[in-house]
Each structure stands twice: as structure tokens, then as C-alpha cells.
């Protein structure tokens, strides 16, 4: 019975004041929010192997900063609830204050304009041309030559807009389609018909 009581105390007995846990979680949340903002948009979505290692290491590094020496269930609940609540408040505040959202979320960055890669913007976001082309492939484009505009969104995702064909290209495609149709009709006319089977009288 004593062993059972000690086990419950280890699980639910807080080793630190609840307010300390709330403050720890709040400080870590603000630090990570600012750190990811300074690190750039690619850390949010366009991850390479280096970025993934950093993010996984950060999650493990800040764990003790949030919960301290407390390994109790209640302590973990308090830390998690604080993070969820603070995030909920920040999201609601940013929704009603666009300027605040721009500061922490950032603004879209144009990477390709009128079919031309904006090298300065791409370098500024630490995105290689191979990464840009890979992102375009994932959205169904064969190459960067098919893209009219590309934008790196504040969330880290990339938006691609394909080139629209000119009137001359549309007429050329229409002409080719008609030629294909005529060729198909000619092949159909040239195909010999099987002889009709006569009935024996």
C-alpha cells in the first residue's frame, strides 16, 4: 500500500510551483516563435536534412526548460496546456491585428516573376534552384520554364502559377488539333470495309 501511494505521488505530486511551469512554457514559446521567425520561412516547411536535425534537436533541448526537474503527469499537463492556451491567444490576436501577424509570420516573398528567377530573393531565403525545382515538380510542373510566378508564403509553402499560353500559341495548338482530327478521319476512310456476307437462296 505504501509503495502504491509513493507511485501516485511521483506521478501527480508537483515538484515545483504551478506558476513556475506556466512561466517556463511561456518563455520557451516566445523564444521559439522569435527564433523561427529569424531563421526564415524555410524552417517552417521547406526542410532539408540539416533543418530537420535542428528542429528535432530543439524539441529535445527545450524539454527540460519547460518542465524543469519535474517528471510528474500533472507537470506535463500544465506545460502542455500553457503552450496550447498561449498559442490559441496569439493566433486569435494575430487574426484581429494584421500588423502583428506580419511581424511574426512575415510577408510573402516572390521567387519567380514573369518566368524569371529572382536570384536575390532566392538567395535571401537560402533556397537553392534544385529545391525550387523540386517544389515545382511536387505541384505538377515539369520544369521552372513552365512557371510564370512563384511565391514563398509566410507559412513556408510555395505557390506556383504556370505560364498562360499566348493567343498565337493557342491558335497553333488549335490548328494541330484540327490536323490530328483530319488525319484520323482520313485513316478511317482508308480502312477497307469487310465484305457483306450474302445469304444463300
N, C-alpha and C. Protein backbone atom coordinates (compact mmCIF):
# COMPACT_ATOMS: atom_id res chain seq x y z
N UNK A 1 0.83 -1.21 0.00
CA UNK A 1 0.00 0.00 0.00
C UNK A 1 0.86 1.25 0.00
N UNK A 2 1.96 1.23 0.77
CA UNK A 2 2.86 2.37 0.80
C UNK A 2 3.52 2.59 -0.55
N UNK A 3 3.91 1.46 -1.18
CA UNK A 3 4.53 1.57 -2.50
C UNK A 3 3.55 2.18 -3.50
N UNK A 4 2.29 1.80 -3.41
CA UNK A 4 1.27 2.34 -4.31
C UNK A 4 1.10 3.84 -4.09
N UNK A 5 1.12 4.27 -2.84
CA UNK A 5 0.97 5.70 -2.52
C UNK A 5 2.16 6.49 -3.03
N UNK A 6 3.36 5.94 -2.89
CA UNK A 6 4.54 6.64 -3.38
C UNK A 6 4.49 6.78 -4.89
N UNK A 7 4.01 5.75 -5.57
CA UNK A 7 3.91 5.82 -7.03
C UNK A 7 2.96 6.91 -7.47
N UNK A 8 1.83 7.06 -6.79
CA UNK A 8 0.89 8.12 -7.13
C UNK A 8 1.50 9.49 -6.89
N UNK A 9 2.26 9.61 -5.82
CA UNK A 9 2.89 10.91 -5.53
C UNK A 9 3.91 11.26 -6.61
N UNK A 10 4.66 10.27 -7.08
CA UNK A 10 5.64 10.52 -8.14
C UNK A 10 4.96 10.95 -9.44
N UNK A 11 3.76 10.42 -9.66
CA UNK A 11 3.06 10.75 -10.89
C UNK A 11 2.38 12.10 -10.83
N UNK A 12 1.77 12.44 -9.70
CA UNK A 12 0.91 13.61 -9.65
C UNK A 12 1.40 14.70 -8.69
N UNK A 13 2.38 14.41 -7.86
CA UNK A 13 2.86 15.41 -6.90
C UNK A 13 3.83 16.37 -7.57
N UNK A 14 3.49 17.64 -7.65
CA UNK A 14 4.33 18.63 -8.31
C UNK A 14 5.58 18.92 -7.49
N UNK A 15 6.73 18.92 -8.17
CA UNK A 15 7.99 19.24 -7.50
C UNK A 15 8.26 20.74 -7.52
N UNK A 16 7.54 21.48 -8.38
CA UNK A 16 7.73 22.92 -8.50
C UNK A 16 6.37 23.60 -8.49
N UNK A 17 6.32 24.88 -8.16
CA UNK A 17 5.03 25.59 -8.16
C UNK A 17 4.42 25.63 -9.57
N UNK A 18 3.10 25.51 -9.66
CA UNK A 18 2.45 25.53 -10.98
C UNK A 18 2.75 26.81 -11.77
N UNK A 19 2.84 27.96 -11.08
CA UNK A 19 3.10 29.21 -11.78
C UNK A 19 4.46 29.19 -12.47
N UNK A 20 5.44 28.53 -11.86
CA UNK A 20 6.76 28.43 -12.48
C UNK A 20 6.68 27.67 -13.79
N UNK A 21 5.88 26.62 -13.83
CA UNK A 21 5.73 25.84 -15.05
C UNK A 21 5.06 26.67 -16.15
N UNK A 22 4.07 27.45 -15.76
CA UNK A 22 3.40 28.31 -16.73
C UNK A 22 4.37 29.32 -17.31
N UNK A 23 5.19 29.94 -16.45
CA UNK A 23 6.15 30.93 -16.92
C UNK A 23 7.22 30.29 -17.79
N UNK A 24 7.68 29.08 -17.43
CA UNK A 24 8.67 28.37 -18.23
C UNK A 24 8.14 28.13 -19.65
N UNK A 25 6.91 27.61 -19.72
CA UNK A 25 6.32 27.30 -21.03
C UNK A 25 6.14 28.57 -21.86
N UNK A 26 5.73 29.67 -21.21
CA UNK A 26 5.52 30.93 -21.91
C UNK A 26 6.83 31.47 -22.48
N UNK A 27 7.89 31.44 -21.67
CA UNK A 27 9.19 31.95 -22.12
C UNK A 27 9.72 31.12 -23.30
N UNK A 28 9.62 29.80 -23.20
CA UNK A 28 10.10 28.94 -24.28
C UNK A 28 9.29 29.17 -25.55
N UNK A 29 7.97 29.33 -25.40
CA UNK A 29 7.12 29.58 -26.57
C UNK A 29 7.55 30.85 -27.29
N UNK A 30 7.74 31.93 -26.55
CA UNK A 30 8.13 33.20 -27.15
C UNK A 30 9.51 33.10 -27.80
N UNK A 31 10.42 32.38 -27.13
CA UNK A 31 11.76 32.22 -27.68
C UNK A 31 11.72 31.47 -29.02
N UNK A 32 10.98 30.37 -29.07
CA UNK A 32 10.90 29.58 -30.31
C UNK A 32 10.18 30.35 -31.41
N UNK A 33 9.14 31.10 -31.04
CA UNK A 33 8.42 31.89 -32.02
C UNK A 33 9.34 32.91 -32.68
N UNK A 34 10.10 33.61 -31.85
CA UNK A 34 11.04 34.58 -32.39
C UNK A 34 12.19 33.92 -33.13
N UNK A 35 12.67 32.77 -32.63
CA UNK A 35 13.77 32.08 -33.28
C UNK A 35 13.41 31.58 -34.67
N UNK A 36 12.24 31.00 -34.80
CA UNK A 36 11.80 30.52 -36.11
C UNK A 36 11.55 31.68 -37.07
N UNK A 37 11.09 32.78 -36.53
CA UNK A 37 10.87 33.97 -37.39
C UNK A 37 12.19 34.47 -37.94
N UNK A 38 13.23 34.50 -37.10
CA UNK A 38 14.54 34.97 -37.55
C UNK A 38 15.22 33.96 -38.45
N UNK A 39 14.94 32.68 -38.24
CA UNK A 39 15.60 31.64 -39.02
C UNK A 39 15.12 31.62 -40.46
N UNK A 40 13.94 32.15 -40.73
CA UNK A 40 13.43 32.20 -42.09
C UNK A 40 12.30 31.22 -42.32
N UNK A 41 11.64 31.39 -43.47
CA UNK A 41 10.44 30.61 -43.77
C UNK A 41 10.75 29.17 -44.09
N UNK A 42 11.96 28.88 -44.58
CA UNK A 42 12.25 27.51 -45.00
C UNK A 42 12.20 26.55 -43.82
N UNK A 43 12.47 27.04 -42.62
CA UNK A 43 12.40 26.17 -41.45
C UNK A 43 10.99 25.69 -41.17
N UNK A 44 10.00 26.36 -41.72
CA UNK A 44 8.61 26.02 -41.45
C UNK A 44 8.09 24.92 -42.36
N UNK A 45 8.56 24.87 -43.58
CA UNK A 45 8.00 23.87 -44.50
C UNK A 45 9.04 23.27 -45.43
N UNK A 46 9.90 24.09 -46.02
CA UNK A 46 10.86 23.60 -46.99
C UNK A 46 12.10 23.06 -46.26
N UNK A 47 11.95 21.92 -45.62
CA UNK A 47 13.01 21.38 -44.79
C UNK A 47 13.97 20.51 -45.58
N UNK A 48 15.27 20.70 -45.34
CA UNK A 48 16.24 19.72 -45.82
C UNK A 48 16.73 18.93 -44.60
N UNK A 49 17.70 18.07 -44.80
CA UNK A 49 18.16 17.20 -43.72
C UNK A 49 18.73 18.01 -42.55
N UNK A 50 19.44 19.10 -42.84
CA UNK A 50 20.04 19.92 -41.78
C UNK A 50 18.95 20.59 -40.94
N UNK A 51 17.92 21.13 -41.62
CA UNK A 51 16.84 21.78 -40.89
C UNK A 51 16.11 20.80 -39.99
N UNK A 52 15.89 19.57 -40.50
CA UNK A 52 15.16 18.58 -39.72
C UNK A 52 15.93 18.20 -38.46
N UNK A 53 17.25 18.05 -38.60
CA UNK A 53 18.08 17.72 -37.43
C UNK A 53 18.00 18.83 -36.38
N UNK A 54 18.05 20.08 -36.84
CA UNK A 54 17.98 21.21 -35.91
C UNK A 54 16.65 21.23 -35.17
N UNK A 55 15.54 21.06 -35.90
CA UNK A 55 14.23 21.12 -35.27
C UNK A 55 14.04 19.98 -34.26
N UNK A 56 14.49 18.79 -34.62
CA UNK A 56 14.38 17.67 -33.68
C UNK A 56 15.24 17.89 -32.44
N UNK A 57 16.41 18.47 -32.64
CA UNK A 57 17.29 18.74 -31.50
C UNK A 57 16.71 19.82 -30.60
N UNK A 58 16.08 20.82 -31.21
CA UNK A 58 15.47 21.90 -30.42
C UNK A 58 14.37 21.34 -29.53
N UNK A 59 13.54 20.47 -30.09
CA UNK A 59 12.43 19.92 -29.29
C UNK A 59 12.95 19.17 -28.06
N UNK A 60 14.06 18.48 -28.21
CA UNK A 60 14.62 17.76 -27.08
C UNK A 60 15.34 18.70 -26.11
N UNK A 61 15.96 19.75 -26.67
CA UNK A 61 16.72 20.67 -25.84
C UNK A 61 15.83 21.49 -24.91
N UNK A 62 14.68 21.94 -25.41
CA UNK A 62 13.83 22.82 -24.61
C UNK A 62 12.88 22.04 -23.70
N UNK A 63 12.92 20.72 -23.77
CA UNK A 63 12.01 19.92 -22.93
C UNK A 63 12.22 20.22 -21.45
N UNK A 64 13.47 20.16 -21.00
CA UNK A 64 13.75 20.41 -19.58
C UNK A 64 13.51 21.87 -19.21
N UNK A 65 13.67 22.76 -20.20
CA UNK A 65 13.41 24.17 -19.92
C UNK A 65 11.94 24.40 -19.60
N UNK A 66 11.06 23.57 -20.15
CA UNK A 66 9.63 23.72 -19.90
C UNK A 66 9.21 23.04 -18.60
N UNK A 67 9.66 21.80 -18.40
CA UNK A 67 9.18 21.05 -17.23
C UNK A 67 10.14 21.08 -16.06
N UNK A 68 11.39 21.54 -16.28
CA UNK A 68 12.36 21.58 -15.19
C UNK A 68 12.71 20.17 -14.73
N UNK A 69 12.86 20.00 -13.43
CA UNK A 69 13.19 18.67 -12.88
C UNK A 69 11.94 17.86 -12.57
N UNK A 70 10.80 18.36 -12.94
CA UNK A 70 9.53 17.72 -12.62
C UNK A 70 9.15 16.74 -13.73
N UNK A 71 9.00 15.48 -13.38
CA UNK A 71 8.59 14.46 -14.35
C UNK A 71 7.18 13.95 -14.09
N UNK A 72 6.40 14.70 -13.33
CA UNK A 72 5.06 14.25 -13.00
C UNK A 72 4.10 14.46 -14.16
N UNK A 73 3.02 13.70 -14.12
CA UNK A 73 1.99 13.83 -15.15
C UNK A 73 1.34 15.20 -15.09
N UNK A 74 1.04 15.66 -13.88
CA UNK A 74 0.40 16.97 -13.72
C UNK A 74 1.29 18.08 -14.26
N UNK A 75 2.60 17.97 -13.99
CA UNK A 75 3.53 18.97 -14.50
C UNK A 75 3.53 19.02 -16.02
N UNK A 76 3.50 17.85 -16.65
CA UNK A 76 3.45 17.80 -18.12
C UNK A 76 2.15 18.39 -18.64
N UNK A 77 1.04 18.09 -17.95
CA UNK A 77 -0.25 18.64 -18.36
C UNK A 77 -0.25 20.17 -18.28
N UNK A 78 0.33 20.69 -17.20
CA UNK A 78 0.36 22.15 -17.03
C UNK A 78 1.19 22.79 -18.15
N UNK A 79 2.35 22.21 -18.45
CA UNK A 79 3.20 22.76 -19.51
C UNK A 79 2.51 22.70 -20.87
N UNK A 80 1.89 21.55 -21.18
CA UNK A 80 1.22 21.40 -22.47
C UNK A 80 0.01 22.33 -22.58
N UNK A 81 -0.76 22.41 -21.49
CA UNK A 81 -1.94 23.28 -21.51
C UNK A 81 -1.54 24.75 -21.68
N UNK A 82 -0.44 25.13 -21.06
CA UNK A 82 0.03 26.52 -21.20
C UNK A 82 0.41 26.81 -22.64
N UNK A 83 1.14 25.89 -23.28
CA UNK A 83 1.53 26.09 -24.68
C UNK A 83 0.31 26.20 -25.58
N UNK A 84 -0.67 25.32 -25.37
CA UNK A 84 -1.88 25.36 -26.19
C UNK A 84 -2.65 26.66 -25.99
N UNK A 85 -2.76 27.09 -24.74
CA UNK A 85 -3.51 28.30 -24.45
C UNK A 85 -2.80 29.53 -25.02
N UNK A 86 -1.50 29.62 -24.81
CA UNK A 86 -0.75 30.77 -25.33
C UNK A 86 -0.84 30.82 -26.85
N UNK A 87 -0.70 29.66 -27.50
CA UNK A 87 -0.80 29.62 -28.96
C UNK A 87 -2.19 30.07 -29.42
N UNK A 88 -3.22 29.62 -28.71
CA UNK A 88 -4.59 29.99 -29.07
C UNK A 88 -4.77 31.51 -28.96
N UNK A 89 -4.23 32.10 -27.90
CA UNK A 89 -4.35 33.54 -27.71
C UNK A 89 -3.59 34.31 -28.79
N UNK A 90 -2.39 33.83 -29.13
CA UNK A 90 -1.59 34.50 -30.15
C UNK A 90 -2.27 34.44 -31.51
N UNK A 91 -2.82 33.29 -31.85
CA UNK A 91 -3.49 33.13 -33.14
C UNK A 91 -4.70 34.05 -33.23
N UNK A 92 -5.50 34.11 -32.15
CA UNK A 92 -6.67 34.98 -32.16
C UNK A 92 -6.26 36.46 -32.24
N UNK A 93 -5.21 36.81 -31.52
CA UNK A 93 -4.75 38.21 -31.53
C UNK A 93 -4.21 38.58 -32.91
N UNK A 94 -3.45 37.68 -33.51
CA UNK A 94 -2.89 37.95 -34.84
C UNK A 94 -3.99 38.06 -35.89
N UNK A 95 -5.08 37.31 -35.70
CA UNK A 95 -6.18 37.35 -36.66
C UNK A 95 -6.84 38.73 -36.68
N UNK A 96 -6.95 39.34 -35.53
CA UNK A 96 -7.61 40.65 -35.45
C UNK A 96 -6.63 41.81 -35.57
N UNK A 97 -5.32 41.53 -35.59
CA UNK A 97 -4.31 42.58 -35.73
C UNK A 97 -3.33 42.17 -36.83
N UNK A 98 -3.65 42.49 -38.08
CA UNK A 98 -2.81 42.07 -39.23
C UNK A 98 -1.36 42.53 -39.11
N UNK A 99 -1.12 43.70 -38.54
CA UNK A 99 0.25 44.19 -38.41
C UNK A 99 1.08 43.27 -37.51
N UNK A 100 0.46 42.83 -36.42
CA UNK A 100 1.14 41.89 -35.52
C UNK A 100 1.43 40.58 -36.26
N UNK A 101 0.49 40.15 -37.08
CA UNK A 101 0.67 38.91 -37.84
C UNK A 101 1.84 39.04 -38.82
N UNK A 102 1.97 40.22 -39.45
CA UNK A 102 3.07 40.43 -40.40
C UNK A 102 4.42 40.38 -39.69
N UNK A 103 4.47 40.88 -38.44
CA UNK A 103 5.74 40.89 -37.71
C UNK A 103 6.22 39.47 -37.41
N UNK A 104 5.31 38.62 -36.94
CA UNK A 104 5.71 37.28 -36.53
C UNK A 104 5.61 36.25 -37.66
N UNK A 105 4.65 36.43 -38.55
CA UNK A 105 4.51 35.49 -39.66
C UNK A 105 5.36 35.88 -40.86
N UNK A 106 5.56 37.19 -41.03
CA UNK A 106 6.29 37.65 -42.19
C UNK A 106 5.36 37.90 -43.36
N UNK A 107 5.90 38.31 -44.49
CA UNK A 107 5.13 38.58 -45.69
C UNK A 107 5.59 37.67 -46.82
N UNK A 108 4.74 37.46 -47.82
CA UNK A 108 5.15 36.61 -48.95
C UNK A 108 6.36 37.18 -49.68
N UNK A 109 7.18 36.28 -50.21
CA UNK A 109 8.37 36.67 -50.97
C UNK A 109 8.27 36.07 -52.37
N UNK A 110 8.36 36.92 -53.38
CA UNK A 110 8.29 36.45 -54.76
C UNK A 110 9.64 35.87 -55.18
N UNK A 111 9.62 34.63 -55.65
CA UNK A 111 10.85 33.96 -56.07
C UNK A 111 11.01 33.94 -57.59
N UNK A 112 9.89 33.88 -58.30
CA UNK A 112 9.91 33.90 -59.77
C UNK A 112 8.87 34.92 -60.22
N UNK A 113 9.26 35.81 -61.14
CA UNK A 113 8.35 36.83 -61.65
C UNK A 113 8.47 36.88 -63.16
N UNK A 114 7.33 36.73 -63.84
CA UNK A 114 7.30 36.75 -65.31
C UNK A 114 8.26 35.72 -65.90
N UNK A 115 8.34 34.56 -65.26
CA UNK A 115 9.18 33.48 -65.76
C UNK A 115 10.65 33.58 -65.41
N UNK A 116 11.05 34.64 -64.72
CA UNK A 116 12.46 34.85 -64.37
C UNK A 116 12.67 34.61 -62.88
N UNK A 117 13.68 33.80 -62.55
CA UNK A 117 14.02 33.54 -61.15
C UNK A 117 14.67 34.79 -60.56
N UNK A 118 14.13 35.28 -59.47
CA UNK A 118 14.70 36.45 -58.79
C UNK A 118 15.81 35.97 -57.85
N UNK A 119 17.03 35.98 -58.37
CA UNK A 119 18.16 35.37 -57.67
C UNK A 119 18.38 35.96 -56.30
N UNK A 120 18.20 37.28 -56.16
CA UNK A 120 18.44 37.92 -54.86
C UNK A 120 17.45 37.42 -53.82
N UNK A 121 16.18 37.30 -54.20
CA UNK A 121 15.17 36.82 -53.25
C UNK A 121 15.38 35.36 -52.90
N UNK A 122 15.77 34.56 -53.89
CA UNK A 122 16.02 33.14 -53.65
C UNK A 122 17.19 32.97 -52.70
N UNK A 123 18.26 33.72 -52.95
CA UNK A 123 19.43 33.64 -52.05
C UNK A 123 19.08 34.13 -50.66
N UNK A 124 18.25 35.17 -50.58
CA UNK A 124 17.88 35.72 -49.28
C UNK A 124 17.11 34.73 -48.42
N UNK A 125 16.39 33.79 -49.07
CA UNK A 125 15.63 32.77 -48.34
C UNK A 125 16.41 31.46 -48.22
N UNK A 126 17.67 31.46 -48.71
CA UNK A 126 18.53 30.27 -48.63
C UNK A 126 17.90 29.06 -49.32
N UNK A 127 17.28 29.31 -50.47
CA UNK A 127 16.66 28.25 -51.25
C UNK A 127 17.48 28.05 -52.52
N UNK A 128 17.93 26.82 -52.74
CA UNK A 128 18.69 26.54 -53.95
C UNK A 128 17.76 26.35 -55.13
N UNK A 129 18.30 26.43 -56.33
CA UNK A 129 17.48 26.23 -57.52
C UNK A 129 16.95 24.80 -57.59
N UNK A 130 17.75 23.85 -57.09
CA UNK A 130 17.27 22.46 -57.07
C UNK A 130 16.07 22.30 -56.15
N UNK A 131 16.10 22.96 -54.98
CA UNK A 131 14.96 22.91 -54.07
C UNK A 131 13.74 23.57 -54.68
N UNK A 132 13.97 24.66 -55.39
CA UNK A 132 12.86 25.35 -56.06
C UNK A 132 12.24 24.48 -57.14
N UNK A 133 13.10 23.81 -57.90
CA UNK A 133 12.60 22.95 -58.97
C UNK A 133 11.89 21.72 -58.40
N UNK A 134 12.42 21.17 -57.30
CA UNK A 134 11.77 20.02 -56.67
C UNK A 134 10.38 20.39 -56.17
N UNK A 135 10.25 21.58 -55.59
CA UNK A 135 8.93 22.04 -55.12
C UNK A 135 7.97 22.21 -56.30
N UNK A 136 8.50 22.68 -57.43
CA UNK A 136 7.66 22.83 -58.63
C UNK A 136 7.21 21.46 -59.14
N UNK A 137 8.10 20.47 -59.10
CA UNK A 137 7.73 19.12 -59.54
C UNK A 137 6.60 18.56 -58.68
N UNK A 138 6.66 18.82 -57.38
CA UNK A 138 5.62 18.30 -56.49
C UNK A 138 4.25 18.90 -56.79
N UNK A 139 4.24 20.04 -57.46
CA UNK A 139 2.97 20.67 -57.82
C UNK A 139 2.60 20.44 -59.28
N UNK A 140 3.32 19.51 -59.93
CA UNK A 140 2.93 19.08 -61.27
C UNK A 140 3.59 19.80 -62.43
N UNK A 141 4.59 20.63 -62.18
CA UNK A 141 5.29 21.33 -63.26
C UNK A 141 6.53 20.53 -63.67
N UNK A 142 6.78 20.48 -64.97
CA UNK A 142 7.92 19.71 -65.46
C UNK A 142 9.25 20.41 -65.17
N UNK A 143 9.27 21.73 -65.28
CA UNK A 143 10.50 22.48 -65.03
C UNK A 143 10.13 23.91 -64.67
N UNK A 144 11.14 24.69 -64.29
CA UNK A 144 10.91 26.09 -63.95
C UNK A 144 10.52 26.91 -65.18
N UNK A 145 10.81 26.38 -66.37
CA UNK A 145 10.44 27.09 -67.61
C UNK A 145 8.93 27.18 -67.78
N UNK A 146 8.18 26.31 -67.11
CA UNK A 146 6.72 26.31 -67.22
C UNK A 146 6.05 27.25 -66.22
N UNK A 147 6.84 27.94 -65.41
CA UNK A 147 6.30 28.74 -64.31
C UNK A 147 6.38 30.22 -64.63
N UNK A 148 5.28 30.90 -64.42
CA UNK A 148 5.25 32.35 -64.62
C UNK A 148 5.59 33.08 -63.33
N UNK A 149 5.08 32.57 -62.21
CA UNK A 149 5.32 33.24 -60.93
C UNK A 149 5.37 32.21 -59.81
N UNK A 150 6.27 32.42 -58.86
CA UNK A 150 6.38 31.56 -57.69
C UNK A 150 6.52 32.45 -56.46
N UNK A 151 5.79 32.11 -55.41
CA UNK A 151 5.79 32.91 -54.18
C UNK A 151 6.03 32.01 -52.98
N UNK A 152 6.94 32.42 -52.11
CA UNK A 152 7.17 31.74 -50.85
C UNK A 152 6.24 32.36 -49.82
N UNK A 153 5.26 31.59 -49.36
CA UNK A 153 4.25 32.11 -48.44
C UNK A 153 4.83 32.21 -47.02
N UNK A 154 4.20 33.02 -46.15
CA UNK A 154 4.67 33.14 -44.76
C UNK A 154 4.70 31.80 -44.03
N UNK A 155 3.84 30.86 -44.44
CA UNK A 155 3.81 29.54 -43.79
C UNK A 155 4.99 28.67 -44.19
N UNK A 156 5.75 29.10 -45.23
CA UNK A 156 6.86 28.30 -45.71
C UNK A 156 6.53 27.50 -46.95
N UNK A 157 5.26 27.42 -47.32
CA UNK A 157 4.88 26.70 -48.53
C UNK A 157 5.11 27.58 -49.75
N UNK A 158 5.23 26.95 -50.91
CA UNK A 158 5.45 27.68 -52.15
C UNK A 158 4.23 27.58 -53.04
N UNK A 159 3.87 28.70 -53.64
CA UNK A 159 2.77 28.75 -54.59
C UNK A 159 3.32 29.01 -55.98
N UNK A 160 2.95 28.16 -56.94
CA UNK A 160 3.43 28.29 -58.31
C UNK A 160 2.26 28.58 -59.24
N UNK A 161 2.48 29.51 -60.16
CA UNK A 161 1.48 29.84 -61.18
C UNK A 161 2.12 29.58 -62.54
N UNK A 162 1.48 28.71 -63.32
CA UNK A 162 2.02 28.34 -64.62
C UNK A 162 1.87 29.44 -65.64
N UNK A 163 2.69 29.37 -66.68
CA UNK A 163 2.60 30.35 -67.76
C UNK A 163 1.33 30.13 -68.56
N UNK A 164 0.66 31.23 -68.88
CA UNK A 164 -0.53 31.16 -69.72
C UNK A 164 -0.11 31.24 -71.18
N UNK A 165 -0.64 30.35 -72.03
CA UNK A 165 -0.26 30.40 -73.45
C UNK A 165 -0.74 31.68 -74.13
N UNK A 166 0.06 32.20 -75.07
CA UNK A 166 -0.32 33.40 -75.82
C UNK A 166 -1.38 33.04 -76.85
N UNK A 167 -1.98 34.07 -77.47
CA UNK A 167 -3.00 33.84 -78.49
C UNK A 167 -2.43 33.06 -79.67
N UNK A 168 -1.17 33.37 -80.01
CA UNK A 168 -0.53 32.65 -81.13
C UNK A 168 -0.34 31.18 -80.79
N UNK A 169 0.08 30.89 -79.54
CA UNK A 169 0.25 29.50 -79.14
C UNK A 169 -1.09 28.77 -79.12
N UNK A 170 -2.16 29.47 -78.68
CA UNK A 170 -3.48 28.85 -78.67
C UNK A 170 -3.93 28.51 -80.08
N UNK A 171 -3.70 29.43 -81.05
CA UNK A 171 -4.08 29.15 -82.45
C UNK A 171 -3.27 28.00 -83.01
N UNK A 172 -1.99 27.95 -82.63
CA UNK A 172 -1.13 26.87 -83.11
C UNK A 172 -1.62 25.52 -82.57
N UNK A 173 -1.97 25.48 -81.29
CA UNK A 173 -2.47 24.24 -80.69
C UNK A 173 -3.79 23.82 -81.32
N UNK A 174 -4.65 24.81 -81.58
CA UNK A 174 -5.95 24.51 -82.21
C UNK A 174 -5.75 23.95 -83.61
N UNK A 175 -4.80 24.53 -84.36
CA UNK A 175 -4.50 24.05 -85.70
C UNK A 175 -3.98 22.62 -85.67
N UNK A 176 -3.09 22.34 -84.74
CA UNK A 176 -2.56 20.97 -84.62
C UNK A 176 -3.67 19.99 -84.25
N UNK A 177 -4.58 20.41 -83.39
CA UNK A 177 -5.68 19.53 -83.01
C UNK A 177 -6.57 19.22 -84.20
N UNK A 178 -6.82 20.23 -85.05
CA UNK A 178 -7.65 20.01 -86.24
C UNK A 178 -6.95 19.09 -87.24
N UNK A 179 -5.63 19.29 -87.38
CA UNK A 179 -4.87 18.42 -88.28
C UNK A 179 -4.91 16.97 -87.80
N UNK A 180 -4.79 16.78 -86.50
CA UNK A 180 -4.88 15.42 -85.95
C UNK A 180 -6.26 14.82 -86.21
N UNK A 181 -7.27 15.65 -86.09
CA UNK A 181 -8.64 15.16 -86.33
C UNK A 181 -8.83 14.77 -87.79
N UNK A 182 -8.30 15.62 -88.71
CA UNK A 182 -8.39 15.29 -90.13
C UNK A 182 -7.63 14.02 -90.47
N UNK A 183 -6.45 13.87 -89.86
CA UNK A 183 -5.65 12.66 -90.11
C UNK A 183 -6.39 11.42 -89.64
N UNK A 184 -7.06 11.54 -88.52
CA UNK A 184 -7.83 10.41 -88.01
C UNK A 184 -8.99 10.06 -88.96
N UNK A 185 -9.66 11.08 -89.48
CA UNK A 185 -10.76 10.84 -90.41
C UNK A 185 -10.27 10.19 -91.69
N UNK A 186 -9.08 10.63 -92.18
CA UNK A 186 -8.53 10.04 -93.41
C UNK A 186 -8.19 8.58 -93.19
N UNK A 187 -7.60 8.28 -92.02
CA UNK A 187 -7.29 6.88 -91.73
C UNK A 187 -8.56 6.04 -91.64
N UNK A 188 -9.62 6.65 -91.12
CA UNK A 188 -10.88 5.92 -91.03
C UNK A 188 -11.47 5.65 -92.40
N UNK A 189 -11.38 6.65 -93.30
CA UNK A 189 -11.90 6.47 -94.66
C UNK A 189 -11.08 5.46 -95.46
N UNK A 190 -9.79 5.41 -95.20
CA UNK A 190 -8.92 4.50 -95.94
C UNK A 190 -8.98 3.07 -95.47
N UNK A 191 -9.62 2.82 -94.34
CA UNK A 191 -9.71 1.46 -93.83
C UNK A 191 -10.74 0.67 -94.63
N UNK A 192 -10.34 -0.43 -95.28
CA UNK A 192 -11.31 -1.20 -96.09
C UNK A 192 -12.38 -1.83 -95.22
N UNK A 193 -13.61 -1.78 -95.75
CA UNK A 193 -14.70 -2.37 -95.01
C UNK A 193 -14.78 -3.86 -95.30
N UNK A 194 -15.12 -4.67 -94.31
CA UNK A 194 -15.26 -6.11 -94.57
C UNK A 194 -16.45 -6.36 -95.49
N UNK A 195 -16.31 -7.32 -96.42
CA UNK A 195 -17.41 -7.60 -97.36
C UNK A 195 -18.64 -8.09 -96.63
N UNK A 196 -19.79 -7.64 -97.16
CA UNK A 196 -21.04 -8.07 -96.54
C UNK A 196 -21.32 -9.54 -96.86
N UNK A 197 -21.70 -10.27 -95.85
CA UNK A 197 -21.96 -11.70 -96.05
C UNK A 197 -23.31 -11.88 -96.73
N UNK A 198 -23.32 -12.53 -97.96
CA UNK A 198 -24.55 -12.76 -98.69
C UNK A 198 -25.33 -13.94 -98.15
N UNK A 199 -26.61 -13.95 -98.32
CA UNK A 199 -27.45 -15.05 -97.85
C UNK A 199 -27.70 -16.02 -98.98
N UNK A 200 -27.56 -17.32 -98.74
CA UNK A 200 -27.79 -18.36 -99.76
C UNK A 200 -29.29 -18.49 -100.00
N UNK A 201 -29.66 -18.44 -101.35
CA UNK A 201 -31.06 -18.56 -101.69
C UNK A 201 -31.45 -19.95 -101.84
